Amino acid sequence: MHHRYVALSYVWGDAVHSSKLRASRSNITDLHVLGSLKSEHLPATIEDAITICKRLDQRFLWVDSLCVVQDDAVDQKEQIN
C-alpha cells in the first residue's frame, strides 16, 4: 500500500539534544504507540513540520531520525534505498 507523505530534511543538531529522539532497536516499539511523541520532547524543527503538514492537509510526515532505526544497518539500508 502506498501513501502520500512529506519528508523532512534537516540538520539534527548536537548528539546531546537529539539522541533521545532517534529511533533505536530499544525504543522503536514505544515510538509506534499512538501519542508517544509528546510535543515537549520534539525539537522546534519537527514541531514546525507537523504544523505545516496539518495546514497542508498532509497526514504523514517522514522524519529520518524517527522513521529509520538508527542502530540497525539493515533498516538503514532499506530506508535509504
Protein backbone atom coordinates (compact mmCIF):
# COMPACT_ATOMS: atom_id res chain seq x y z
CA MET A 1 0.00 0.00 0.00
CA HIS A 2 1.32 3.44 -0.94
CA HIS A 3 0.57 6.68 0.87
CA ARG A 4 1.47 10.28 0.15
CA TYR A 5 3.85 11.75 2.68
CA VAL A 6 6.01 14.78 3.34
CA ALA A 7 9.68 14.20 4.11
CA LEU A 8 11.57 16.47 6.49
CA SER A 9 15.24 17.07 5.71
CA TYR A 10 17.14 18.93 8.40
CA VAL A 11 20.32 19.03 10.49
CA TRP A 12 19.82 17.04 13.69
CA GLY A 13 21.98 19.24 15.88
CA ASP A 14 24.26 18.04 18.64
CA ALA A 15 24.00 14.48 19.92
CA VAL A 16 23.06 15.55 23.45
CA HIS A 17 19.74 17.05 22.37
CA SER A 18 18.87 14.72 19.52
CA SER A 19 19.88 11.34 20.95
CA LYS A 20 16.60 10.81 22.82
CA LEU A 21 14.71 11.47 19.59
CA ARG A 22 16.42 8.84 17.49
CA ALA A 23 14.66 5.59 16.76
CA SER A 24 16.65 2.65 18.04
CA ARG A 25 16.10 -1.06 18.44
CA SER A 26 15.43 -0.45 22.14
CA ASN A 27 12.72 2.21 21.68
CA ILE A 28 11.12 1.61 18.27
CA THR A 29 8.18 -0.32 19.74
CA ASP A 30 7.48 2.55 22.15
CA LEU A 31 7.65 5.08 19.29
CA HIS A 32 4.90 3.20 17.45
CA VAL A 33 2.43 3.83 20.29
CA LEU A 34 -0.13 6.49 19.40
CA GLY A 35 0.66 9.66 21.34
CA SER A 36 4.22 8.63 22.24
CA LEU A 37 5.73 11.67 20.56
CA LYS A 38 4.88 14.43 23.01
CA SER A 39 5.47 17.93 21.72
CA GLU A 40 7.62 18.84 24.72
CA HIS A 41 10.15 16.20 23.58
CA LEU A 42 10.31 17.30 19.95
CA PRO A 43 12.64 19.99 18.62
CA ALA A 44 11.05 23.06 17.08
CA THR A 45 12.07 21.87 13.60
CA ILE A 46 9.87 18.79 13.84
CA GLU A 47 7.05 20.67 15.58
CA ASP A 48 7.07 23.25 12.78
CA ALA A 49 6.98 20.49 10.15
CA ILE A 50 3.98 18.92 11.89
CA THR A 51 2.20 22.28 11.90
CA ILE A 52 2.88 22.78 8.19
CA CYS A 53 1.68 19.25 7.36
CA LYS A 54 -1.56 19.91 9.22
CA ARG A 55 -2.08 23.18 7.37
CA LEU A 56 -1.43 21.45 4.04
CA ASP A 57 -3.79 18.63 4.99
CA GLN A 58 -0.96 16.09 4.76
CA ARG A 59 -1.45 13.07 7.00
CA PHE A 60 2.06 11.58 7.02
CA LEU A 61 5.42 13.16 7.88
CA TRP A 62 8.61 11.14 7.41
CA VAL A 63 11.40 12.21 9.78
CA ASP A 64 14.59 10.22 9.31
CA SER A 65 15.67 10.28 12.95
CA LEU A 66 12.32 8.76 13.95
CA CYS A 67 11.48 6.62 10.93
CA VAL A 68 14.84 4.90 10.42
CA VAL A 69 16.12 2.68 13.21
CA GLN A 70 19.48 4.34 13.74
CA ASP A 71 21.32 1.35 15.22
CA ASP A 72 20.07 -1.17 12.65
CA ALA A 73 22.17 -1.32 9.47
CA VAL A 74 19.57 -3.42 7.64
CA ASP A 75 16.77 -0.92 8.37
CA GLN A 76 19.02 1.99 7.38
CA LYS A 77 19.87 0.35 4.05
CA GLU A 78 16.22 -0.46 3.31
CA GLN A 79 15.05 3.06 4.16
CA ILE A 80 17.85 4.80 2.28
CA ASN A 81 17.17 2.76 -0.85
